[in-house]
Amino acid sequence: MDKYIWLIPVLPLAGFIINGLGRKSLSEKMIGFIGSFLILVSFGLSLAAFLQIKASGQPINVNYFDWISVGFFKVPFAFLIDQLSAIMLLIITGVGFLIHLYSIGYMHGDEGFGKFFAYLNLFVFFMLLLVLG
């Protein structure tokens, strides 16, 4: 599971990019599906991480690279999932998915439908980065 942790925040970012760039050419159904589905997959990965932490009792710490490295001072770019952050991941992705589903009907016919879903996915991405950082 450790090698798939990076997908949890990257999938909503991919939804932002796809819906942001294709908001004029994609249909409302496709924009709603892409935005919601990528959050749902992120929820599934968050659930898998939660179950792994629950079973092992050990947090997941994945270091990707050193963001700042000056002498003995190092600031890594890393994701840490412990019990609290695992629950927060489930809340962010679960409630985020439900908000996406509700927004499909609420925003139907609005001219800013694609832009709204792009920004909604971007918001979920940043929330996930806050929890994982």
N, C-alpha and C. Protein backbone atom coordinates (compact mmCIF):
# COMPACT_ATOMS: atom_id res chain seq x y z
N MET A 1 0.83 -1.20 0.00
CA MET A 1 0.00 0.00 0.00
C MET A 1 0.86 1.25 0.00
N ASP A 2 2.06 1.15 0.58
CA ASP A 2 2.91 2.34 0.71
C ASP A 2 3.21 3.00 -0.63
N LYS A 3 3.35 2.21 -1.68
CA LYS A 3 3.70 2.81 -2.97
C LYS A 3 2.52 3.47 -3.68
N TYR A 4 1.30 3.33 -3.14
CA TYR A 4 0.13 3.96 -3.75
C TYR A 4 -0.39 5.16 -2.98
N ILE A 5 0.28 5.52 -1.89
CA ILE A 5 -0.16 6.65 -1.06
C ILE A 5 -0.19 7.95 -1.88
N TRP A 6 0.75 8.13 -2.77
CA TRP A 6 0.83 9.37 -3.55
C TRP A 6 -0.41 9.56 -4.42
N LEU A 7 -1.12 8.46 -4.74
CA LEU A 7 -2.31 8.59 -5.58
C LEU A 7 -3.48 9.25 -4.86
N ILE A 8 -3.50 9.18 -3.53
CA ILE A 8 -4.63 9.74 -2.78
C ILE A 8 -4.81 11.23 -3.09
N PRO A 9 -3.77 12.07 -3.01
CA PRO A 9 -3.99 13.48 -3.38
C PRO A 9 -3.88 13.74 -4.88
N VAL A 10 -3.17 12.90 -5.61
CA VAL A 10 -2.94 13.17 -7.04
C VAL A 10 -4.20 12.94 -7.87
N LEU A 11 -5.05 12.01 -7.48
CA LEU A 11 -6.28 11.77 -8.24
C LEU A 11 -7.21 12.98 -8.26
N PRO A 12 -7.47 13.65 -7.12
CA PRO A 12 -8.25 14.89 -7.21
C PRO A 12 -7.55 15.98 -8.03
N LEU A 13 -6.21 16.03 -7.97
CA LEU A 13 -5.49 16.99 -8.81
C LEU A 13 -5.69 16.68 -10.28
N ALA A 14 -5.69 15.39 -10.63
CA ALA A 14 -5.95 15.00 -12.02
C ALA A 14 -7.37 15.41 -12.43
N GLY A 15 -8.33 15.28 -11.51
CA GLY A 15 -9.69 15.73 -11.80
C GLY A 15 -9.75 17.22 -12.04
N PHE A 16 -8.97 17.99 -11.26
CA PHE A 16 -8.90 19.43 -11.48
C PHE A 16 -8.35 19.75 -12.87
N ILE A 17 -7.29 19.08 -13.26
CA ILE A 17 -6.66 19.36 -14.55
C ILE A 17 -7.59 18.96 -15.70
N ILE A 18 -8.17 17.75 -15.61
CA ILE A 18 -9.05 17.28 -16.69
C ILE A 18 -10.29 18.16 -16.81
N ASN A 19 -10.95 18.42 -15.69
CA ASN A 19 -12.17 19.24 -15.73
C ASN A 19 -11.87 20.69 -16.02
N GLY A 20 -10.73 21.17 -15.57
CA GLY A 20 -10.36 22.55 -15.84
C GLY A 20 -10.06 22.80 -17.32
N LEU A 21 -9.31 21.88 -17.90
CA LEU A 21 -8.95 22.05 -19.32
C LEU A 21 -10.10 21.68 -20.26
N GLY A 22 -10.93 20.72 -19.83
CA GLY A 22 -12.00 20.27 -20.72
C GLY A 22 -13.37 20.78 -20.37
N ARG A 23 -13.43 21.84 -19.58
CA ARG A 23 -14.74 22.31 -19.12
C ARG A 23 -15.63 22.81 -20.25
N LYS A 24 -15.05 23.27 -21.34
CA LYS A 24 -15.85 23.76 -22.46
C LYS A 24 -16.22 22.64 -23.43
N SER A 25 -15.37 21.60 -23.51
CA SER A 25 -15.60 20.54 -24.50
C SER A 25 -16.28 19.30 -23.92
N LEU A 26 -16.18 19.08 -22.62
CA LEU A 26 -16.80 17.91 -21.99
C LEU A 26 -18.24 18.21 -21.60
N SER A 27 -19.07 17.17 -21.62
CA SER A 27 -20.46 17.34 -21.20
C SER A 27 -20.54 17.40 -19.68
N GLU A 28 -21.68 17.88 -19.19
CA GLU A 28 -21.89 17.95 -17.74
C GLU A 28 -21.80 16.56 -17.11
N LYS A 29 -22.37 15.56 -17.78
CA LYS A 29 -22.32 14.19 -17.25
C LYS A 29 -20.88 13.71 -17.11
N MET A 30 -20.07 13.98 -18.13
CA MET A 30 -18.68 13.53 -18.10
C MET A 30 -17.88 14.27 -17.04
N ILE A 31 -18.10 15.57 -16.92
CA ILE A 31 -17.39 16.35 -15.90
C ILE A 31 -17.78 15.86 -14.51
N GLY A 32 -19.07 15.64 -14.28
CA GLY A 32 -19.51 15.13 -12.99
C GLY A 32 -18.97 13.75 -12.69
N PHE A 33 -18.93 12.90 -13.71
CA PHE A 33 -18.41 11.54 -13.52
C PHE A 33 -16.93 11.56 -13.20
N ILE A 34 -16.16 12.32 -13.96
CA ILE A 34 -14.71 12.37 -13.74
C ILE A 34 -14.40 12.92 -12.35
N GLY A 35 -15.02 14.03 -12.01
CA GLY A 35 -14.76 14.62 -10.70
C GLY A 35 -15.14 13.69 -9.55
N SER A 36 -16.31 13.07 -9.64
CA SER A 36 -16.78 12.20 -8.57
C SER A 36 -16.01 10.89 -8.51
N PHE A 37 -15.75 10.30 -9.66
CA PHE A 37 -15.08 9.00 -9.70
C PHE A 37 -13.67 9.07 -9.14
N LEU A 38 -12.94 10.12 -9.47
CA LEU A 38 -11.58 10.23 -8.97
C LEU A 38 -11.55 10.43 -7.46
N ILE A 39 -12.53 11.13 -6.91
CA ILE A 39 -12.62 11.26 -5.46
C ILE A 39 -13.00 9.92 -4.83
N LEU A 40 -13.86 9.16 -5.49
CA LEU A 40 -14.26 7.85 -4.99
C LEU A 40 -13.07 6.89 -4.96
N VAL A 41 -12.24 6.91 -5.99
CA VAL A 41 -11.05 6.06 -6.01
C VAL A 41 -10.08 6.49 -4.90
N SER A 42 -9.96 7.78 -4.71
CA SER A 42 -9.13 8.29 -3.62
C SER A 42 -9.68 7.83 -2.26
N PHE A 43 -10.99 7.78 -2.12
CA PHE A 43 -11.61 7.25 -0.90
C PHE A 43 -11.26 5.78 -0.71
N GLY A 44 -11.30 5.01 -1.80
CA GLY A 44 -10.94 3.59 -1.71
C GLY A 44 -9.50 3.39 -1.26
N LEU A 45 -8.59 4.19 -1.79
CA LEU A 45 -7.19 4.11 -1.36
C LEU A 45 -7.02 4.54 0.09
N SER A 46 -7.78 5.54 0.50
CA SER A 46 -7.74 5.98 1.90
C SER A 46 -8.27 4.89 2.83
N LEU A 47 -9.31 4.19 2.39
CA LEU A 47 -9.86 3.10 3.17
C LEU A 47 -8.85 1.96 3.29
N ALA A 48 -8.14 1.66 2.21
CA ALA A 48 -7.11 0.62 2.26
C ALA A 48 -5.99 1.00 3.22
N ALA A 49 -5.58 2.26 3.21
CA ALA A 49 -4.54 2.72 4.14
C ALA A 49 -5.05 2.64 5.58
N PHE A 50 -6.30 3.03 5.80
CA PHE A 50 -6.89 2.95 7.13
C PHE A 50 -6.90 1.52 7.65
N LEU A 51 -7.30 0.58 6.80
CA LEU A 51 -7.35 -0.82 7.22
C LEU A 51 -5.95 -1.38 7.48
N GLN A 52 -4.97 -0.94 6.71
CA GLN A 52 -3.60 -1.37 6.95
C GLN A 52 -3.09 -0.86 8.30
N ILE A 53 -3.38 0.40 8.61
CA ILE A 53 -2.94 0.97 9.89
C ILE A 53 -3.68 0.31 11.05
N LYS A 54 -4.95 0.02 10.84
CA LYS A 54 -5.73 -0.64 11.89
C LYS A 54 -5.19 -2.03 12.17
N ALA A 55 -4.80 -2.75 11.12
CA ALA A 55 -4.30 -4.11 11.29
C ALA A 55 -2.90 -4.15 11.91
N SER A 56 -2.03 -3.24 11.47
CA SER A 56 -0.64 -3.29 11.93
C SER A 56 -0.40 -2.43 13.17
N GLY A 57 -1.16 -1.38 13.33
CA GLY A 57 -0.95 -0.46 14.44
C GLY A 57 0.21 0.48 14.23
N GLN A 58 0.86 0.40 13.09
CA GLN A 58 2.02 1.25 12.77
C GLN A 58 1.63 2.30 11.73
N PRO A 59 2.10 3.53 11.90
CA PRO A 59 1.81 4.56 10.88
C PRO A 59 2.59 4.29 9.60
N ILE A 60 2.08 4.83 8.52
CA ILE A 60 2.73 4.73 7.21
C ILE A 60 3.47 6.04 6.98
N ASN A 61 4.77 5.95 6.75
CA ASN A 61 5.59 7.14 6.49
C ASN A 61 6.34 6.90 5.19
N VAL A 62 6.05 7.71 4.19
CA VAL A 62 6.67 7.55 2.87
C VAL A 62 7.44 8.83 2.55
N ASN A 63 8.76 8.72 2.45
CA ASN A 63 9.60 9.86 2.06
C ASN A 63 9.84 9.79 0.56
N TYR A 64 9.55 10.89 -0.14
CA TYR A 64 9.74 10.92 -1.58
C TYR A 64 11.07 11.57 -1.97
N PHE A 65 11.37 12.71 -1.41
CA PHE A 65 12.64 13.38 -1.70
C PHE A 65 12.87 14.45 -0.64
N ASP A 66 14.09 14.96 -0.59
CA ASP A 66 14.39 16.07 0.32
C ASP A 66 14.02 17.37 -0.36
N TRP A 67 13.10 18.08 0.25
CA TRP A 67 12.64 19.33 -0.31
C TRP A 67 13.68 20.41 -0.08
N ILE A 68 14.21 20.47 1.14
CA ILE A 68 15.28 21.41 1.47
C ILE A 68 16.37 20.60 2.16
N SER A 69 17.60 20.79 1.69
CA SER A 69 18.72 20.09 2.29
C SER A 69 19.90 21.04 2.35
N VAL A 70 20.18 21.55 3.57
CA VAL A 70 21.28 22.48 3.80
C VAL A 70 22.07 21.96 5.00
N GLY A 71 23.23 21.40 4.74
CA GLY A 71 24.05 20.86 5.82
C GLY A 71 23.31 19.75 6.55
N PHE A 72 23.14 19.93 7.86
CA PHE A 72 22.42 18.93 8.65
C PHE A 72 20.91 19.16 8.65
N PHE A 73 20.48 20.29 8.13
CA PHE A 73 19.06 20.64 8.10
C PHE A 73 18.41 20.02 6.87
N LYS A 74 17.45 19.14 7.07
CA LYS A 74 16.75 18.51 5.96
C LYS A 74 15.25 18.58 6.20
N VAL A 75 14.55 18.98 5.17
CA VAL A 75 13.10 18.99 5.20
C VAL A 75 12.63 18.07 4.08
N PRO A 76 12.14 16.89 4.44
CA PRO A 76 11.72 15.96 3.39
C PRO A 76 10.32 16.26 2.88
N PHE A 77 10.08 15.90 1.63
CA PHE A 77 8.73 15.88 1.10
C PHE A 77 8.22 14.47 1.36
N ALA A 78 7.37 14.34 2.37
CA ALA A 78 6.94 13.02 2.81
C ALA A 78 5.47 13.05 3.20
N PHE A 79 4.85 11.89 3.13
CA PHE A 79 3.48 11.71 3.58
C PHE A 79 3.48 10.80 4.79
N LEU A 80 2.74 11.18 5.83
CA LEU A 80 2.62 10.39 7.03
C LEU A 80 1.14 10.13 7.28
N ILE A 81 0.81 8.86 7.42
CA ILE A 81 -0.57 8.49 7.74
C ILE A 81 -0.54 7.72 9.05
N ASP A 82 -1.09 8.35 10.09
CA ASP A 82 -1.26 7.67 11.36
C ASP A 82 -2.77 7.47 11.57
N GLN A 83 -3.18 7.09 12.78
CA GLN A 83 -4.59 6.80 13.00
C GLN A 83 -5.47 8.03 12.79
N LEU A 84 -5.03 9.18 13.29
CA LEU A 84 -5.82 10.40 13.15
C LEU A 84 -5.91 10.86 11.69
N SER A 85 -4.77 10.88 11.01
CA SER A 85 -4.79 11.33 9.62
C SER A 85 -5.53 10.34 8.72
N ALA A 86 -5.53 9.05 9.06
CA ALA A 86 -6.29 8.07 8.28
C ALA A 86 -7.79 8.35 8.38
N ILE A 87 -8.24 8.68 9.58
CA ILE A 87 -9.67 9.01 9.75
C ILE A 87 -10.00 10.31 9.02
N MET A 88 -9.09 11.29 9.08
CA MET A 88 -9.32 12.55 8.37
C MET A 88 -9.35 12.33 6.85
N LEU A 89 -8.51 11.43 6.35
CA LEU A 89 -8.54 11.10 4.92
C LEU A 89 -9.90 10.53 4.53
N LEU A 90 -10.43 9.64 5.37
CA LEU A 90 -11.74 9.07 5.08
C LEU A 90 -12.83 10.13 5.11
N ILE A 91 -12.75 11.06 6.05
CA ILE A 91 -13.76 12.12 6.13
C ILE A 91 -13.68 13.04 4.91
N ILE A 92 -12.46 13.46 4.56
CA ILE A 92 -12.30 14.39 3.43
C ILE A 92 -12.76 13.75 2.13
N THR A 93 -12.32 12.53 1.86
CA THR A 93 -12.68 11.91 0.59
C THR A 93 -14.13 11.43 0.59
N GLY A 94 -14.62 10.93 1.73
CA GLY A 94 -16.00 10.46 1.80
C GLY A 94 -17.01 11.59 1.67
N VAL A 95 -16.83 12.63 2.47
CA VAL A 95 -17.74 13.78 2.40
C VAL A 95 -17.54 14.52 1.08
N GLY A 96 -16.29 14.59 0.62
CA GLY A 96 -16.02 15.22 -0.67
C GLY A 96 -16.75 14.52 -1.81
N PHE A 97 -16.78 13.18 -1.77
CA PHE A 97 -17.51 12.43 -2.79
C PHE A 97 -19.00 12.74 -2.73
N LEU A 98 -19.55 12.77 -1.52
CA LEU A 98 -20.98 13.07 -1.37
C LEU A 98 -21.31 14.50 -1.84
N ILE A 99 -20.41 15.43 -1.58
CA ILE A 99 -20.61 16.80 -2.07
C ILE A 99 -20.58 16.83 -3.59
N HIS A 100 -19.68 16.05 -4.18
CA HIS A 100 -19.64 15.97 -5.64
C HIS A 100 -20.96 15.43 -6.19
N LEU A 101 -21.48 14.36 -5.58
CA LEU A 101 -22.75 13.80 -6.05
C LEU A 101 -23.88 14.81 -5.93
N TYR A 102 -23.96 15.49 -4.81
CA TYR A 102 -25.00 16.49 -4.61
C TYR A 102 -24.86 17.63 -5.63
N SER A 103 -23.63 18.02 -5.89
CA SER A 103 -23.37 19.17 -6.78
C SER A 103 -23.74 18.88 -8.23
N ILE A 104 -23.71 17.61 -8.61
CA ILE A 104 -24.11 17.28 -9.99
C ILE A 104 -25.54 17.75 -10.25
N GLY A 105 -26.44 17.47 -9.32
CA GLY A 105 -27.83 17.91 -9.48
C GLY A 105 -28.02 19.38 -9.20
N TYR A 106 -27.32 19.88 -8.20
CA TYR A 106 -27.50 21.28 -7.80
C TYR A 106 -26.99 22.24 -8.87
N MET A 107 -25.88 21.91 -9.50
CA MET A 107 -25.27 22.80 -10.49
C MET A 107 -25.74 22.52 -11.92
N HIS A 108 -26.64 21.56 -12.10
CA HIS A 108 -27.10 21.20 -13.44
C HIS A 108 -27.62 22.43 -14.19
N GLY A 109 -27.11 22.62 -15.39
CA GLY A 109 -27.54 23.71 -16.23
C GLY A 109 -26.81 25.03 -15.99
N ASP A 110 -25.97 25.09 -14.99
CA ASP A 110 -25.22 26.31 -14.70
C ASP A 110 -24.08 26.45 -15.71
N GLU A 111 -23.80 27.66 -16.14
CA GLU A 111 -22.74 27.86 -17.13
C GLU A 111 -21.34 27.64 -16.54
N GLY A 112 -21.19 27.71 -15.24
CA GLY A 112 -19.90 27.49 -14.59
C GLY A 112 -19.74 26.08 -14.02
N PHE A 113 -20.48 25.12 -14.56
CA PHE A 113 -20.47 23.75 -14.05
C PHE A 113 -19.07 23.16 -14.06
N GLY A 114 -18.38 23.24 -15.18
CA GLY A 114 -17.04 22.66 -15.30
C GLY A 114 -16.03 23.35 -14.40
N LYS A 115 -16.11 24.66 -14.32
CA LYS A 115 -15.20 25.41 -13.47
C LYS A 115 -15.44 25.08 -12.00
N PHE A 116 -16.70 24.94 -11.62
CA PHE A 116 -17.03 24.60 -10.24
C PHE A 116 -16.44 23.25 -9.85
N PHE A 117 -16.60 22.24 -10.72
CA PHE A 117 -16.07 20.92 -10.42
C PHE A 117 -14.55 20.90 -10.42
N ALA A 118 -13.95 21.68 -11.28
CA ALA A 118 -12.48 21.76 -11.27
C ALA A 118 -11.99 22.34 -9.94
N TYR A 119 -12.61 23.41 -9.49
CA TYR A 119 -12.20 24.01 -8.21
C TYR A 119 -12.56 23.13 -7.01
N LEU A 120 -13.64 22.39 -7.12
CA LEU A 120 -14.01 21.48 -6.04
C LEU A 120 -12.95 20.37 -5.90
N ASN A 121 -12.49 19.85 -7.01
CA ASN A 121 -11.42 18.85 -6.97
C ASN A 121 -10.11 19.46 -6.46
N LEU A 122 -9.83 20.69 -6.82
CA LEU A 122 -8.62 21.34 -6.34
C LEU A 122 -8.70 21.55 -4.83
N PHE A 123 -9.86 21.89 -4.33
CA PHE A 123 -10.04 22.05 -2.89
C PHE A 123 -9.78 20.74 -2.15
N VAL A 124 -10.31 19.63 -2.68
CA VAL A 124 -10.08 18.32 -2.06
C VAL A 124 -8.60 17.98 -2.09
N PHE A 125 -7.92 18.30 -3.20
CA PHE A 125 -6.48 18.05 -3.30
C PHE A 125 -5.72 18.77 -2.20
N PHE A 126 -6.00 20.04 -1.99
CA PHE A 126 -5.29 20.80 -0.98
C PHE A 126 -5.63 20.34 0.44
N MET A 127 -6.86 19.94 0.67
CA MET A 127 -7.23 19.39 1.98
C MET A 127 -6.46 18.11 2.26
N LEU A 128 -6.32 17.26 1.25
CA LEU A 128 -5.58 16.02 1.43
C LEU A 128 -4.09 16.29 1.67
N LEU A 129 -3.54 17.29 0.99
CA LEU A 129 -2.13 17.64 1.24
C LEU A 129 -1.93 18.13 2.67
N LEU A 130 -2.89 18.89 3.18
CA LEU A 130 -2.79 19.37 4.57
C LEU A 130 -2.77 18.21 5.55
N VAL A 131 -3.58 17.22 5.31
CA VAL A 131 -3.66 16.08 6.23
C VAL A 131 -2.44 15.17 6.09
N LEU A 132 -1.96 14.98 4.88
CA LEU A 132 -0.84 14.06 4.65
C LEU A 132 0.52 14.65 4.96
N GLY A 133 0.63 15.99 4.94
CA GLY A 133 1.92 16.64 5.08
C GLY A 133 2.56 16.49 6.44
